[in-house]
C-alpha atoms as a PDB file:
ATOM      1  CA  MET A   1      39.882 197.757 176.223  1.00  0.00           C
ATOM      2  CA  SER A   2      40.009 196.082 172.602  1.00  0.00           C
ATOM      3  CA  LEU A   3      42.568 193.636 171.395  1.00  0.00           C
ATOM      4  CA  ALA A   4      43.481 193.588 167.773  1.00  0.00           C
ATOM      5  CA  ALA A   5      44.472 190.440 166.249  1.00  0.00           C
ATOM      6  CA  CYS A   6      47.631 189.800 164.378  1.00  0.00           C
ATOM      7  CA  ALA A   7      47.229 190.561 160.528  1.00  0.00           C
ATOM      8  CA  HIS A   8      50.004 188.505 159.328  1.00  0.00           C
ATOM      9  CA  THR A   9      49.101 185.265 160.810  1.00  0.00           C
ATOM     10  CA  VAL A  10      47.801 182.516 158.682  1.00  0.00           C
ATOM     11  CA  ALA A  11      45.548 179.450 159.930  1.00  0.00           C
ATOM     12  CA  THR A  12      48.138 176.714 160.966  1.00  0.00           C
ATOM     13  CA  GLN A  13      46.755 173.602 160.152  1.00  0.00           C
ATOM     14  CA  PRO A  14      49.416 170.978 159.301  1.00  0.00           C
ATOM     15  CA  SER A  15      50.248 170.250 155.546  1.00  0.00           C
ATOM     16  CA  SER A  16      50.237 166.575 154.393  1.00  0.00           C
ATOM     17  CA  SER A  17      51.084 167.819 150.662  1.00  0.00           C
ATOM     18  CA  VAL A  18      54.392 169.734 151.606  1.00  0.00           C
ATOM     19  CA  VAL A  19      57.297 167.679 151.855  1.00  0.00           C
ATOM     20  CA  VAL A  20      60.177 169.070 154.295  1.00  0.00           C
ATOM     21  CA  VAL A  21      63.494 167.996 153.031  1.00  0.00           C
ATOM     22  CA  ALA A  22      67.151 168.883 154.471  1.00  0.00           C
ATOM     23  CA  VAL A  23      68.891 169.887 151.062  1.00  0.00           C
ATOM     24  CA  ARG A  24      67.600 171.142 147.687  1.00  0.00           C
ATOM     25  CA  PRO A  25      65.506 169.122 145.653  1.00  0.00           C
ATOM     26  CA  PRO A  26      67.051 168.182 142.144  1.00  0.00           C
ATOM     27  CA  ASP A  27      65.120 169.440 139.344  1.00  0.00           C
ATOM     28  CA  CYS A  28      63.181 171.897 141.315  1.00  0.00           C
ATOM     29  CA  ASN A  29      62.604 175.724 141.078  1.00  0.00           C
ATOM     30  CA  LYS A  30      62.931 177.877 144.392  1.00  0.00           C
ATOM     31  CA  ILE A  31      59.828 179.951 144.617  1.00  0.00           C
ATOM     32  CA  GLY A  32      60.668 182.069 147.597  1.00  0.00           C
ATOM     33  CA  VAL A  33      60.821 182.135 151.319  1.00  0.00           C
ATOM     34  CA  VAL A  34      58.245 182.520 153.862  1.00  0.00           C
ATOM     35  CA  GLU A  35      58.223 183.030 157.997  1.00  0.00           C
ATOM     36  CA  GLY A  36      56.166 180.694 160.139  1.00  0.00           C
ATOM     37  CA  VAL A  37      55.122 182.275 163.421  1.00  0.00           C
ATOM     38  CA  GLY A  38      53.519 180.590 166.550  1.00  0.00           C
ATOM     39  CA  GLY A  39      53.579 180.366 170.233  1.00  0.00           C
ATOM     40  CA  SER A  40      55.726 177.215 170.129  1.00  0.00           C
ATOM     41  CA  ASP A  41      58.095 175.439 167.690  1.00  0.00           C
ATOM     42  CA  GLN A  42      55.581 173.214 166.272  1.00  0.00           C
ATOM     43  CA  ARG A  43      52.907 176.218 165.948  1.00  0.00           C
ATOM     44  CA  ALA A  44      55.801 178.265 163.903  1.00  0.00           C
ATOM     45  CA  ILE A  45      56.849 175.282 161.806  1.00  0.00           C
ATOM     46  CA  ASP A  46      52.932 174.280 161.042  1.00  0.00           C
ATOM     47  CA  ASP A  47      52.218 178.080 160.174  1.00  0.00           C
ATOM     48  CA  ALA A  48      55.264 178.112 157.754  1.00  0.00           C
ATOM     49  CA  LEU A  49      54.036 174.714 156.064  1.00  0.00           C
ATOM     50  CA  ALA A  50      50.701 176.449 155.684  1.00  0.00           C
ATOM     51  CA  ARG A  51      52.276 179.577 154.063  1.00  0.00           C
ATOM     52  CA  ALA A  52      54.188 177.160 151.876  1.00  0.00           C
ATOM     53  CA  GLU A  53      51.121 175.141 150.729  1.00  0.00           C
ATOM     54  CA  ALA A  54      49.098 178.588 149.978  1.00  0.00           C
ATOM     55  CA  ARG A  55      52.384 179.770 147.965  1.00  0.00           C
ATOM     56  CA  GLY A  56      52.305 176.682 145.971  1.00  0.00           C
ATOM     57  CA  ALA A  57      55.335 174.837 147.074  1.00  0.00           C
ATOM     58  CA  THR A  58      55.727 171.101 146.971  1.00  0.00           C
ATOM     59  CA  HIS A  59      58.864 170.755 148.968  1.00  0.00           C
ATOM     60  CA  VAL A  60      60.542 173.154 151.851  1.00  0.00           C
ATOM     61  CA  ILE A  61      63.741 173.443 153.812  1.00  0.00           C
ATOM     62  CA  LEU A  62      62.987 174.641 157.406  1.00  0.00           C
ATOM     63  CA  GLY A  63      65.168 176.597 159.393  1.00  0.00           C
ATOM     64  CA  THR A  64      65.796 176.481 162.779  1.00  0.00           C
ATOM     65  CA  PRO A  65      62.577 177.873 165.020  1.00  0.00           C
ATOM     66  CA  ASP A  66      64.094 180.608 167.056  1.00  0.00           C
ATOM     67  CA  LEU A  67      62.475 182.973 169.956  1.00  0.00           C
ATOM     68  CA  ASN A  68      61.254 186.061 168.653  1.00  0.00           C
ATOM     69  CA  LEU A  69      63.665 188.295 170.182  1.00  0.00           C
ATOM     70  CA  SER A  70      61.469 191.654 169.776  1.00  0.00           C
ATOM     71  CA  ASP A  71      58.572 190.485 172.022  1.00  0.00           C
ATOM     72  CA  GLY A  72      60.104 187.211 173.295  1.00  0.00           C
ATOM     73  CA  MET A  73      57.038 185.360 173.220  1.00  0.00           C
ATOM     74  CA  THR A  74      56.619 184.054 169.749  1.00  0.00           C
ATOM     75  CA  THR A  75      58.731 181.523 167.767  1.00  0.00           C
ATOM     76  CA  VAL A  76      59.689 182.172 164.284  1.00  0.00           C
ATOM     77  CA  VAL A  77      61.113 179.764 161.596  1.00  0.00           C
ATOM     78  CA  ASP A  78      62.051 180.530 158.031  1.00  0.00           C
ATOM     79  CA  ALA A  79      61.251 178.110 155.183  1.00  0.00           C
ATOM     80  CA  THR A  80      62.615 178.030 151.551  1.00  0.00           C
ATOM     81  CA  LEU A  81      60.240 176.928 149.265  1.00  0.00           C
ATOM     82  CA  PHE A  82      60.546 174.967 145.907  1.00  0.00           C
ATOM     83  CA  ASP A  83      58.122 173.472 143.325  1.00  0.00           C
ATOM     84  CA  CYS A  84      59.204 170.143 141.979  1.00  0.00           C
ATOM     85  CA  PRO A  85      57.532 168.440 139.469  1.00  0.00           C
ATOM     86  CA  PRO A  86      55.875 165.114 140.429  1.00  0.00           C
ATOM     87  CA  PRO A  87      57.699 161.840 140.053  1.00  0.00           C
ATOM     88  CA  GLY A  88      57.882 160.461 136.499  1.00  0.00           C
ATOM     89  CA  ALA A  89      56.782 163.629 135.033  1.00  0.00           C
ATOM     90  CA  GLU A  90      59.980 164.227 132.900  1.00  0.00           C
ATOM     91  CA  TYR A  91      59.207 161.089 131.013  1.00  0.00           C
ATOM     92  CA  PRO A  92      56.068 160.438 128.836  1.00  0.00           C
ATOM     93  CA  PRO A  93      53.989 157.248 129.853  1.00  0.00           C
ATOM     94  CA  VAL A  94      55.096 153.905 128.608  1.00  0.00           C
ATOM     95  CA  GLY A  95      52.840 152.858 125.470  1.00  0.00           C
ATOM     96  CA  TYR A  96      52.122 156.268 123.923  1.00  0.00           C
ATOM     97  CA  PRO A  97      53.357 157.166 120.617  1.00  0.00           C
END
């Protein structure tokens, strides 16, 4: 008997570069949505953050983790992705012409 690995999973290292926010950040562009999947709430969140980072997101709004009803064994969480300018990017540095 052979077992096939799930082809849609991503390595789930927690991402420190993606900021989780509660509301859409001002001056940011929505760049999409991803779904994180894991065996627990935290693993699903970590997967969503890894997928967001891979897509170039700087900020995300996470949905509520839910049990996957089709298999009853995994948790899924949706994340809305945003690309935001770095702080101070809208203004030129002081002292330059």
